[in-house]
Amino acid sequence: MSFERLAELLSHREPRPLSLEGISPELIPGGALAEAAVLVPLFLKDGEPHVLLTKRPATLSRHAGQVSFPGGRVEPADEGTLRAALREAEEEVGLDPARVEVLGRLSEVLVLVSAFRLTPWVASVPYPYPYRPSPGEVEAILHVPLSALSRPGAWRVEEREAYGLRHEVHHLDFGGETIWGATARVLRELVAVWSEP
């Protein structure tokens, strides 16, 4: 599939909003979910589609050592989730927003660990590119081939209780790292769309 075809598919599907049915607000820190956004950067490397992920430093107070997309909290000045995703990608890995071609949006997901409702934006980005990881936020940049995300037996699912409900938590092992949680859920949806005829 081409990135143009992916953009077409994303434009014809309605991303699912996060369902809060059954979630107990009194169990959420602060009583409500905060808004966050991520960029899901795709690029061709050696003729094969890849997704860019970051590994967070182990010293962070939140999401320490986790594999994630560039992204973070939506700030009032962002004027929406897309602007937030682009701003965070520039801050975290030095990706110039002018070099990003937005392809579409995936469904909102719940970030269990930090009580965020997360909006993922899929984009095509250049490769090679002179990324500049922010030392305080990014320990490493990972290039993961989409084929690794769709191989048989790649995924496992565990259950976890949070905010008064049982949730499925997806996991994928790749290159000595475990990709899990909201990042894995976003990748599962991306692979499902990418695999459509």
N, C-alpha and C. Protein backbone atom coordinates (compact mmCIF):
# COMPACT_ATOMS: atom_id res chain seq x y z
N MET A 1 0.84 -1.18 0.00
CA MET A 1 0.00 0.00 0.00
C MET A 1 0.89 1.25 0.00
N SER A 2 0.39 2.30 -0.61
CA SER A 2 1.11 3.57 -0.62
C SER A 2 0.57 4.48 0.48
N PHE A 3 1.33 5.52 0.81
CA PHE A 3 0.85 6.49 1.80
C PHE A 3 -0.36 7.25 1.26
N GLU A 4 -0.41 7.44 -0.06
CA GLU A 4 -1.57 8.10 -0.67
C GLU A 4 -2.83 7.26 -0.44
N ARG A 5 -2.71 5.95 -0.62
CA ARG A 5 -3.85 5.05 -0.40
C ARG A 5 -4.25 5.05 1.07
N LEU A 6 -3.26 5.08 1.96
CA LEU A 6 -3.57 5.14 3.39
C LEU A 6 -4.34 6.41 3.72
N ALA A 7 -3.92 7.54 3.15
CA ALA A 7 -4.62 8.81 3.38
C ALA A 7 -6.06 8.71 2.89
N GLU A 8 -6.26 8.05 1.76
CA GLU A 8 -7.61 7.88 1.22
C GLU A 8 -8.46 7.04 2.17
N LEU A 9 -7.90 5.95 2.66
CA LEU A 9 -8.64 5.09 3.59
C LEU A 9 -8.99 5.84 4.87
N LEU A 10 -8.03 6.60 5.40
CA LEU A 10 -8.29 7.34 6.63
C LEU A 10 -9.34 8.42 6.42
N SER A 11 -9.40 9.00 5.23
CA SER A 11 -10.39 10.05 4.97
C SER A 11 -11.81 9.50 4.87
N HIS A 12 -11.94 8.20 4.61
CA HIS A 12 -13.26 7.60 4.45
C HIS A 12 -13.74 6.84 5.68
N ARG A 13 -12.99 6.89 6.75
CA ARG A 13 -13.42 6.19 7.96
C ARG A 13 -13.57 7.19 9.09
N GLU A 14 -14.50 6.92 9.96
CA GLU A 14 -14.77 7.81 11.08
C GLU A 14 -13.98 7.32 12.29
N PRO A 15 -12.97 8.08 12.74
CA PRO A 15 -12.23 7.65 13.94
C PRO A 15 -13.18 7.57 15.13
N ARG A 16 -13.03 6.52 15.92
CA ARG A 16 -13.91 6.35 17.08
C ARG A 16 -13.49 7.29 18.20
N PRO A 17 -14.46 8.02 18.76
CA PRO A 17 -14.13 8.79 19.97
C PRO A 17 -13.96 7.82 21.13
N LEU A 18 -13.26 8.23 22.13
CA LEU A 18 -13.04 7.39 23.30
C LEU A 18 -14.35 7.21 24.05
N SER A 19 -14.73 5.96 24.29
CA SER A 19 -15.93 5.68 25.07
C SER A 19 -15.60 5.75 26.56
N LEU A 20 -16.33 6.58 27.27
CA LEU A 20 -16.13 6.73 28.71
C LEU A 20 -17.20 5.98 29.49
N GLU A 21 -18.01 5.19 28.77
CA GLU A 21 -19.09 4.46 29.43
C GLU A 21 -18.53 3.48 30.46
N GLY A 22 -19.03 3.59 31.66
CA GLY A 22 -18.61 2.68 32.73
C GLY A 22 -17.41 3.15 33.52
N ILE A 23 -16.70 4.16 33.02
CA ILE A 23 -15.54 4.67 33.75
C ILE A 23 -16.01 5.49 34.94
N SER A 24 -15.43 5.25 36.08
CA SER A 24 -15.81 5.96 37.31
C SER A 24 -14.98 7.24 37.45
N PRO A 25 -15.61 8.41 37.24
CA PRO A 25 -14.85 9.67 37.31
C PRO A 25 -14.14 9.88 38.64
N GLU A 26 -14.73 9.36 39.72
CA GLU A 26 -14.10 9.57 41.03
C GLU A 26 -12.79 8.81 41.17
N LEU A 27 -12.53 7.84 40.25
CA LEU A 27 -11.28 7.09 40.30
C LEU A 27 -10.20 7.70 39.40
N ILE A 28 -10.57 8.70 38.61
CA ILE A 28 -9.60 9.36 37.72
C ILE A 28 -8.93 10.50 38.47
N PRO A 29 -7.59 10.57 38.45
CA PRO A 29 -6.91 11.70 39.11
C PRO A 29 -7.43 13.03 38.57
N GLY A 30 -7.89 13.90 39.46
CA GLY A 30 -8.45 15.18 39.04
C GLY A 30 -9.88 15.10 38.58
N GLY A 31 -10.44 13.90 38.48
CA GLY A 31 -11.84 13.73 38.13
C GLY A 31 -12.16 13.73 36.65
N ALA A 32 -11.18 13.96 35.78
CA ALA A 32 -11.42 13.98 34.34
C ALA A 32 -10.15 13.63 33.59
N LEU A 33 -10.32 13.10 32.38
CA LEU A 33 -9.17 12.77 31.54
C LEU A 33 -8.63 14.04 30.88
N ALA A 34 -7.33 14.19 30.88
CA ALA A 34 -6.69 15.31 30.18
C ALA A 34 -6.52 14.93 28.71
N GLU A 35 -6.43 15.94 27.84
CA GLU A 35 -6.27 15.70 26.41
C GLU A 35 -4.79 15.63 26.04
N ALA A 36 -4.48 14.67 25.17
CA ALA A 36 -3.12 14.53 24.65
C ALA A 36 -3.20 14.16 23.18
N ALA A 37 -2.08 14.33 22.48
CA ALA A 37 -2.02 14.00 21.06
C ALA A 37 -0.64 13.49 20.72
N VAL A 38 -0.58 12.61 19.73
CA VAL A 38 0.70 12.10 19.24
C VAL A 38 0.74 12.16 17.73
N LEU A 39 1.95 12.21 17.19
CA LEU A 39 2.17 12.08 15.77
C LEU A 39 2.64 10.66 15.51
N VAL A 40 2.06 10.02 14.50
CA VAL A 40 2.44 8.67 14.10
C VAL A 40 3.20 8.82 12.77
N PRO A 41 4.53 9.03 12.84
CA PRO A 41 5.30 9.34 11.63
C PRO A 41 5.65 8.09 10.83
N LEU A 42 5.28 8.08 9.55
CA LEU A 42 5.58 6.97 8.65
C LEU A 42 6.56 7.45 7.58
N PHE A 43 7.43 6.53 7.16
CA PHE A 43 8.40 6.87 6.12
C PHE A 43 8.85 5.59 5.43
N LEU A 44 9.41 5.74 4.25
CA LEU A 44 9.96 4.60 3.52
C LEU A 44 11.45 4.52 3.79
N LYS A 45 11.89 3.34 4.18
CA LYS A 45 13.31 3.08 4.43
C LYS A 45 13.65 1.78 3.71
N ASP A 46 14.60 1.83 2.79
CA ASP A 46 14.94 0.67 1.96
C ASP A 46 13.71 0.10 1.26
N GLY A 47 12.83 1.01 0.85
CA GLY A 47 11.64 0.60 0.10
C GLY A 47 10.52 0.03 0.94
N GLU A 48 10.71 -0.02 2.26
CA GLU A 48 9.70 -0.61 3.15
C GLU A 48 9.14 0.44 4.10
N PRO A 49 7.81 0.45 4.31
CA PRO A 49 7.24 1.42 5.23
C PRO A 49 7.65 1.14 6.68
N HIS A 50 8.03 2.21 7.38
CA HIS A 50 8.43 2.15 8.78
C HIS A 50 7.64 3.19 9.56
N VAL A 51 7.57 2.98 10.86
CA VAL A 51 7.00 3.98 11.77
C VAL A 51 8.10 4.40 12.74
N LEU A 52 8.12 5.70 13.05
CA LEU A 52 9.10 6.23 13.98
C LEU A 52 8.51 6.21 15.39
N LEU A 53 9.26 5.64 16.31
CA LEU A 53 8.88 5.63 17.72
C LEU A 53 10.05 6.18 18.54
N THR A 54 9.76 6.61 19.75
CA THR A 54 10.82 7.08 20.63
C THR A 54 10.86 6.22 21.89
N LYS A 55 12.05 6.13 22.47
CA LYS A 55 12.18 5.50 23.78
C LYS A 55 12.41 6.60 24.79
N ARG A 56 11.60 6.60 25.85
CA ARG A 56 11.69 7.64 26.87
C ARG A 56 12.84 7.31 27.84
N PRO A 57 13.50 8.32 28.36
CA PRO A 57 14.56 8.07 29.34
C PRO A 57 13.99 7.42 30.61
N ALA A 58 14.79 6.60 31.24
CA ALA A 58 14.37 5.93 32.48
C ALA A 58 14.23 6.89 33.64
N THR A 59 14.73 8.11 33.48
CA THR A 59 14.72 9.10 34.58
C THR A 59 13.42 9.91 34.65
N LEU A 60 12.54 9.75 33.68
CA LEU A 60 11.30 10.54 33.68
C LEU A 60 10.37 10.11 34.80
N SER A 61 9.56 11.04 35.29
CA SER A 61 8.60 10.70 36.34
C SER A 61 7.37 10.00 35.77
N ARG A 62 7.05 10.26 34.49
CA ARG A 62 5.92 9.61 33.83
C ARG A 62 6.41 8.86 32.59
N HIS A 63 5.91 7.65 32.40
CA HIS A 63 6.22 6.84 31.21
C HIS A 63 7.72 6.59 31.06
N ALA A 64 8.42 6.46 32.17
CA ALA A 64 9.87 6.23 32.15
C ALA A 64 10.21 4.95 31.39
N GLY A 65 11.16 5.05 30.46
CA GLY A 65 11.64 3.90 29.73
C GLY A 65 10.69 3.32 28.70
N GLN A 66 9.52 3.92 28.53
CA GLN A 66 8.54 3.37 27.61
C GLN A 66 8.83 3.76 26.17
N VAL A 67 8.33 2.93 25.25
CA VAL A 67 8.38 3.23 23.83
C VAL A 67 7.08 3.93 23.47
N SER A 68 7.18 5.06 22.77
CA SER A 68 5.99 5.85 22.49
C SER A 68 6.16 6.61 21.18
N PHE A 69 5.11 7.30 20.79
CA PHE A 69 5.17 8.24 19.67
C PHE A 69 5.59 9.60 20.19
N PRO A 70 6.11 10.46 19.32
CA PRO A 70 6.30 11.85 19.75
C PRO A 70 4.93 12.46 20.07
N GLY A 71 4.80 13.07 21.23
CA GLY A 71 3.51 13.65 21.59
C GLY A 71 3.45 14.01 23.05
N GLY A 72 2.30 14.54 23.44
CA GLY A 72 2.11 14.92 24.83
C GLY A 72 0.81 15.67 25.04
N ARG A 73 0.75 16.37 26.14
CA ARG A 73 -0.46 17.09 26.56
C ARG A 73 -0.82 18.20 25.55
N VAL A 74 -2.12 18.36 25.32
CA VAL A 74 -2.61 19.46 24.49
C VAL A 74 -2.66 20.71 25.37
N GLU A 75 -1.95 21.75 24.94
CA GLU A 75 -1.91 23.02 25.67
C GLU A 75 -2.94 23.98 25.07
N PRO A 76 -3.44 24.94 25.87
CA PRO A 76 -4.43 25.89 25.34
C PRO A 76 -3.97 26.61 24.07
N ALA A 77 -2.69 26.92 23.96
CA ALA A 77 -2.18 27.64 22.79
C ALA A 77 -2.15 26.76 21.53
N ASP A 78 -2.31 25.46 21.67
CA ASP A 78 -2.21 24.56 20.52
C ASP A 78 -3.38 24.68 19.56
N GLU A 79 -4.54 25.10 20.05
CA GLU A 79 -5.73 25.19 19.21
C GLU A 79 -6.06 23.86 18.55
N GLY A 80 -5.98 22.79 19.32
CA GLY A 80 -6.39 21.48 18.80
C GLY A 80 -5.31 20.43 18.90
N THR A 81 -5.73 19.19 18.67
CA THR A 81 -4.84 18.05 18.85
C THR A 81 -3.78 17.95 17.77
N LEU A 82 -4.10 18.33 16.52
CA LEU A 82 -3.09 18.24 15.47
C LEU A 82 -1.93 19.19 15.74
N ARG A 83 -2.24 20.42 16.08
CA ARG A 83 -1.18 21.39 16.39
C ARG A 83 -0.33 20.89 17.56
N ALA A 84 -0.97 20.28 18.55
CA ALA A 84 -0.23 19.74 19.70
C ALA A 84 0.71 18.63 19.26
N ALA A 85 0.24 17.72 18.41
CA ALA A 85 1.07 16.61 17.94
C ALA A 85 2.28 17.12 17.16
N LEU A 86 2.06 18.11 16.29
CA LEU A 86 3.16 18.68 15.51
C LEU A 86 4.16 19.42 16.40
N ARG A 87 3.64 20.17 17.36
CA ARG A 87 4.52 20.91 18.29
C ARG A 87 5.38 19.94 19.09
N GLU A 88 4.75 18.89 19.63
CA GLU A 88 5.48 17.93 20.44
C GLU A 88 6.54 17.19 19.61
N ALA A 89 6.21 16.86 18.35
CA ALA A 89 7.19 16.16 17.50
C ALA A 89 8.39 17.06 17.23
N GLU A 90 8.13 18.35 17.06
CA GLU A 90 9.25 19.28 16.86
C GLU A 90 10.10 19.39 18.12
N GLU A 91 9.45 19.48 19.29
CA GLU A 91 10.18 19.61 20.54
C GLU A 91 10.96 18.34 20.88
N GLU A 92 10.37 17.18 20.64
CA GLU A 92 10.98 15.93 21.09
C GLU A 92 12.04 15.39 20.15
N VAL A 93 11.80 15.48 18.83
CA VAL A 93 12.76 14.88 17.89
C VAL A 93 13.26 15.85 16.83
N GLY A 94 12.86 17.14 16.90
CA GLY A 94 13.35 18.13 15.96
C GLY A 94 12.72 18.03 14.58
N LEU A 95 11.50 17.49 14.48
CA LEU A 95 10.83 17.34 13.20
C LEU A 95 10.13 18.65 12.82
N ASP A 96 10.56 19.25 11.72
CA ASP A 96 9.98 20.51 11.24
C ASP A 96 8.55 20.25 10.77
N PRO A 97 7.54 20.93 11.33
CA PRO A 97 6.15 20.72 10.89
C PRO A 97 5.94 20.94 9.40
N ALA A 98 6.74 21.78 8.79
CA ALA A 98 6.61 22.04 7.35
C ALA A 98 7.01 20.82 6.51
N ARG A 99 7.73 19.87 7.11
CA ARG A 99 8.17 18.66 6.39
C ARG A 99 7.22 17.48 6.61
N VAL A 100 6.10 17.75 7.31
CA VAL A 100 5.15 16.70 7.66
C VAL A 100 3.94 16.77 6.73
N GLU A 101 3.56 15.64 6.16
CA GLU A 101 2.32 15.56 5.38
C GLU A 101 1.31 14.74 6.17
N VAL A 102 0.30 15.41 6.70
CA VAL A 102 -0.70 14.72 7.52
C VAL A 102 -1.57 13.86 6.63
N LEU A 103 -1.72 12.57 7.00
CA LEU A 103 -2.50 11.62 6.22
C LEU A 103 -3.90 11.40 6.80
N GLY A 104 -4.06 11.62 8.09
CA GLY A 104 -5.37 11.42 8.71
C GLY A 104 -5.24 11.10 10.18
N ARG A 105 -6.39 10.77 10.77
CA ARG A 105 -6.46 10.57 12.21
C ARG A 105 -6.94 9.16 12.52
N LEU A 106 -6.44 8.60 13.60
CA LEU A 106 -6.93 7.32 14.10
C LEU A 106 -7.83 7.58 15.31
N SER A 107 -8.37 6.52 15.86
CA SER A 107 -9.33 6.63 16.97
C SER A 107 -8.64 7.06 18.26
N GLU A 108 -9.39 7.77 19.10
CA GLU A 108 -8.89 8.14 20.42
C GLU A 108 -8.66 6.89 21.26
N VAL A 109 -7.65 6.94 22.10
CA VAL A 109 -7.39 5.83 23.01
C VAL A 109 -7.18 6.37 24.42
N LEU A 110 -7.36 5.50 25.38
CA LEU A 110 -7.18 5.84 26.78
C LEU A 110 -5.76 5.49 27.20
N VAL A 111 -5.07 6.43 27.82
CA VAL A 111 -3.75 6.16 28.40
C VAL A 111 -3.98 5.84 29.86
N LEU A 112 -3.88 4.56 30.20
CA LEU A 112 -4.24 4.11 31.55
C LEU A 112 -3.33 4.70 32.61
N VAL A 113 -2.02 4.74 32.33
CA VAL A 113 -1.04 5.11 33.35
C VAL A 113 -1.21 6.55 33.82
N SER A 114 -1.55 7.44 32.87
CA SER A 114 -1.56 8.86 33.23
C SER A 114 -2.90 9.56 32.97
N ALA A 115 -3.96 8.81 32.74
CA ALA A 115 -5.32 9.35 32.61
C ALA A 115 -5.43 10.43 31.53
N PHE A 116 -4.98 10.09 30.31
CA PHE A 116 -5.14 10.96 29.15
C PHE A 116 -6.09 10.32 28.16
N ARG A 117 -6.82 11.15 27.43
CA ARG A 117 -7.51 10.70 26.21
C ARG A 117 -6.63 11.18 25.07
N LEU A 118 -6.17 10.23 24.26
CA LEU A 118 -5.10 10.47 23.30
C LEU A 118 -5.62 10.44 21.87
N THR A 119 -5.31 11.49 21.09
CA THR A 119 -5.67 11.54 19.67
C THR A 119 -4.42 11.31 18.83
N PRO A 120 -4.39 10.24 18.00
CA PRO A 120 -3.22 9.98 17.15
C PRO A 120 -3.43 10.54 15.73
N TRP A 121 -2.44 11.27 15.24
CA TRP A 121 -2.43 11.79 13.88
C TRP A 121 -1.35 11.08 13.08
N VAL A 122 -1.73 10.49 11.95
CA VAL A 122 -0.80 9.75 11.09
C VAL A 122 -0.25 10.71 10.04
N ALA A 123 1.06 10.62 9.79
CA ALA A 123 1.70 11.53 8.85
C ALA A 123 2.83 10.84 8.11
N SER A 124 3.08 11.32 6.92
CA SER A 124 4.25 10.91 6.16
C SER A 124 5.36 11.92 6.44
N VAL A 125 6.56 11.41 6.73
CA VAL A 125 7.69 12.28 7.04
C VAL A 125 8.88 11.86 6.16
N PRO A 126 9.83 12.78 5.96
CA PRO A 126 10.97 12.45 5.08
C PRO A 126 11.93 11.46 5.73
N TYR A 127 12.63 10.72 4.86
CA TYR A 127 13.71 9.84 5.31
C TYR A 127 14.76 9.82 4.20
N PRO A 128 16.04 9.94 4.53
CA PRO A 128 16.58 10.23 5.88
C PRO A 128 16.26 11.65 6.31
N TYR A 129 16.43 11.89 7.61
CA TYR A 129 16.12 13.20 8.18
C TYR A 129 17.05 13.43 9.38
N PRO A 130 17.53 14.66 9.57
CA PRO A 130 18.45 14.94 10.68
C PRO A 130 17.72 15.16 12.02
N TYR A 131 17.17 14.10 12.56
CA TYR A 131 16.45 14.23 13.83
C TYR A 131 17.38 14.69 14.95
N ARG A 132 16.80 15.46 15.89
CA ARG A 132 17.54 15.94 17.05
C ARG A 132 16.74 15.56 18.31
N PRO A 133 17.01 14.38 18.87
CA PRO A 133 16.25 13.96 20.06
C PRO A 133 16.49 14.92 21.23
N SER A 134 15.43 15.31 21.90
CA SER A 134 15.54 16.16 23.09
C SER A 134 16.08 15.32 24.24
N PRO A 135 17.24 15.67 24.80
CA PRO A 135 17.89 14.83 25.81
C PRO A 135 17.01 14.52 27.01
N GLY A 136 16.18 15.46 27.42
CA GLY A 136 15.35 15.24 28.59
C GLY A 136 14.12 14.39 28.33
N GLU A 137 13.79 14.19 27.06
CA GLU A 137 12.55 13.49 26.75
C GLU A 137 12.73 12.23 25.92
N VAL A 138 13.82 12.14 25.15
CA VAL A 138 13.99 11.03 24.21
C VAL A 138 15.38 10.42 24.38
N GLU A 139 15.42 9.15 24.73
CA GLU A 139 16.70 8.44 24.87
C GLU A 139 17.16 7.89 23.52
N ALA A 140 16.18 7.45 22.70
CA ALA A 140 16.53 6.85 21.40
C ALA A 140 15.34 6.98 20.45
N ILE A 141 15.66 7.02 19.16
CA ILE A 141 14.65 6.99 18.11
C ILE A 141 14.69 5.61 17.47
N LEU A 142 13.52 5.00 17.34
CA LEU A 142 13.41 3.65 16.78
C LEU A 142 12.71 3.71 15.43
N HIS A 143 13.21 2.93 14.48
CA HIS A 143 12.57 2.78 13.17
C HIS A 143 12.02 1.35 13.11
N VAL A 144 10.70 1.23 13.14
CA VAL A 144 10.07 -0.09 13.21
C VAL A 144 9.35 -0.36 11.89
N PRO A 145 9.74 -1.42 11.17
CA PRO A 145 9.04 -1.75 9.92
C PRO A 145 7.60 -2.19 10.20
N LEU A 146 6.66 -1.75 9.37
CA LEU A 146 5.28 -2.16 9.57
C LEU A 146 5.12 -3.67 9.46
N SER A 147 5.99 -4.32 8.70
CA SER A 147 5.92 -5.77 8.57
C SER A 147 6.14 -6.46 9.92
N ALA A 148 6.94 -5.85 10.80
CA ALA A 148 7.18 -6.44 12.13
C ALA A 148 5.94 -6.36 13.00
N LEU A 149 5.06 -5.40 12.69
CA LEU A 149 3.84 -5.22 13.48
C LEU A 149 2.72 -6.15 13.04
N SER A 150 2.88 -6.74 11.87
CA SER A 150 1.80 -7.58 11.35
C SER A 150 2.20 -9.05 11.22
N ARG A 151 3.36 -9.40 11.78
CA ARG A 151 3.77 -10.80 11.68
C ARG A 151 2.90 -11.66 12.60
N PRO A 152 2.66 -12.93 12.23
CA PRO A 152 1.84 -13.81 13.05
C PRO A 152 2.41 -13.97 14.45
N GLY A 153 1.55 -13.89 15.45
CA GLY A 153 1.97 -14.08 16.84
C GLY A 153 2.71 -12.91 17.44
N ALA A 154 2.74 -11.76 16.73
CA ALA A 154 3.50 -10.61 17.22
C ALA A 154 2.89 -10.01 18.48
N TRP A 155 1.57 -10.10 18.60
CA TRP A 155 0.87 -9.38 19.66
C TRP A 155 0.40 -10.29 20.77
N ARG A 156 0.37 -9.78 21.97
CA ARG A 156 -0.29 -10.45 23.08
C ARG A 156 -1.12 -9.42 23.83
N VAL A 157 -2.18 -9.89 24.47
CA VAL A 157 -3.10 -9.00 25.16
C VAL A 157 -3.23 -9.45 26.60
N GLU A 158 -3.11 -8.49 27.51
CA GLU A 158 -3.32 -8.75 28.94
C GLU A 158 -4.45 -7.85 29.43
N GLU A 159 -5.06 -8.20 30.53
CA GLU A 159 -6.11 -7.37 31.10
C GLU A 159 -5.58 -6.62 32.31
N ARG A 160 -6.08 -5.40 32.45
CA ARG A 160 -5.72 -4.58 33.61
C ARG A 160 -6.96 -3.81 34.06
N GLU A 161 -7.06 -3.62 35.36
CA GLU A 161 -8.19 -2.84 35.87
C GLU A 161 -7.74 -1.40 36.11
N ALA A 162 -8.56 -0.45 35.63
CA ALA A 162 -8.28 0.97 35.85
C ALA A 162 -9.57 1.75 35.74
N TYR A 163 -9.73 2.71 36.63
CA TYR A 163 -10.88 3.62 36.61
C TYR A 163 -12.21 2.88 36.68
N GLY A 164 -12.22 1.73 37.38
CA GLY A 164 -13.45 0.98 37.59
C GLY A 164 -13.81 0.01 36.49
N LEU A 165 -12.94 -0.18 35.50
CA LEU A 165 -13.22 -1.09 34.39
C LEU A 165 -12.02 -1.99 34.12
N ARG A 166 -12.30 -3.13 33.47
CA ARG A 166 -11.23 -3.99 32.96
C ARG A 166 -10.90 -3.52 31.55
N HIS A 167 -9.60 -3.39 31.24
CA HIS A 167 -9.15 -2.91 29.93
C HIS A 167 -8.20 -3.92 29.32
N GLU A 168 -8.26 -4.05 27.99
CA GLU A 168 -7.28 -4.86 27.27
C GLU A 168 -6.02 -4.03 27.05
N VAL A 169 -4.88 -4.58 27.41
CA VAL A 169 -3.61 -3.89 27.22
C VAL A 169 -2.79 -4.71 26.22
N HIS A 170 -2.50 -4.11 25.08
CA HIS A 170 -1.79 -4.79 24.00
C HIS A 170 -0.29 -4.65 24.19
N HIS A 171 0.44 -5.70 23.79
CA HIS A 171 1.91 -5.72 23.90
C HIS A 171 2.51 -6.28 22.61
N LEU A 172 3.67 -5.74 22.24
CA LEU A 172 4.44 -6.24 21.10
C LEU A 172 5.91 -6.15 21.46
N ASP A 173 6.66 -7.23 21.24
CA ASP A 173 8.10 -7.21 21.47
C ASP A 173 8.81 -6.98 20.14
N PHE A 174 9.73 -6.01 20.13
CA PHE A 174 10.48 -5.72 18.90
C PHE A 174 11.86 -5.20 19.27
N GLY A 175 12.89 -5.81 18.71
CA GLY A 175 14.26 -5.33 18.88
C GLY A 175 14.68 -5.17 20.32
N GLY A 176 14.24 -6.07 21.20
CA GLY A 176 14.62 -6.00 22.60
C GLY A 176 13.78 -5.03 23.41
N GLU A 177 12.80 -4.39 22.80
CA GLU A 177 11.90 -3.46 23.50
C GLU A 177 10.49 -4.03 23.51
N THR A 178 9.72 -3.66 24.52
CA THR A 178 8.31 -4.02 24.56
C THR A 178 7.49 -2.76 24.32
N ILE A 179 6.68 -2.80 23.28
CA ILE A 179 5.76 -1.71 22.97
C ILE A 179 4.41 -2.12 23.54
N TRP A 180 3.83 -1.26 24.38
CA TRP A 180 2.60 -1.68 25.03
C TRP A 180 1.69 -0.47 25.29
N GLY A 181 0.51 -0.77 25.81
CA GLY A 181 -0.42 0.28 26.21
C GLY A 181 -1.00 1.05 25.05
N ALA A 182 -1.16 2.36 25.23
CA ALA A 182 -1.79 3.20 24.22
C ALA A 182 -1.01 3.18 22.91
N THR A 183 0.32 3.17 22.98
CA THR A 183 1.13 3.12 21.76
C THR A 183 0.83 1.86 20.97
N ALA A 184 0.75 0.73 21.66
CA ALA A 184 0.45 -0.54 20.99
C ALA A 184 -0.96 -0.54 20.42
N ARG A 185 -1.91 0.04 21.14
CA ARG A 185 -3.30 0.08 20.64
C ARG A 185 -3.37 0.92 19.35
N VAL A 186 -2.67 2.04 19.31
CA VAL A 186 -2.64 2.87 18.11
C VAL A 186 -2.01 2.08 16.96
N LEU A 187 -0.92 1.39 17.23
CA LEU A 187 -0.26 0.60 16.19
C LEU A 187 -1.15 -0.51 15.67
N ARG A 188 -1.93 -1.14 16.55
CA ARG A 188 -2.86 -2.19 16.11
C ARG A 188 -3.87 -1.64 15.12
N GLU A 189 -4.40 -0.45 15.41
CA GLU A 189 -5.36 0.14 14.48
C GLU A 189 -4.68 0.53 13.17
N LEU A 190 -3.47 1.09 13.25
CA LEU A 190 -2.73 1.45 12.05
C LEU A 190 -2.51 0.23 11.16
N VAL A 191 -2.09 -0.88 11.75
CA VAL A 191 -1.85 -2.11 10.98
C VAL A 191 -3.16 -2.60 10.36
N ALA A 192 -4.26 -2.49 11.09
CA ALA A 192 -5.55 -2.93 10.55
C ALA A 192 -5.94 -2.11 9.32
N VAL A 193 -5.74 -0.80 9.39
CA VAL A 193 -6.06 0.06 8.24
C VAL A 193 -5.11 -0.24 7.09
N TRP A 194 -3.82 -0.36 7.41
CA TRP A 194 -2.80 -0.62 6.39
C TRP A 194 -3.08 -1.94 5.66
N SER A 195 -3.67 -2.90 6.34
CA SER A 195 -3.92 -4.22 5.76
C SER A 195 -5.21 -4.29 4.95
N GLU A 196 -5.99 -3.20 4.95
CA GLU A 196 -7.24 -3.22 4.19
C GLU A 196 -6.93 -3.32 2.70
N PRO A 197 -7.81 -4.03 1.95
CA PRO A 197 -7.58 -4.16 0.50
C PRO A 197 -7.77 -2.84 -0.23
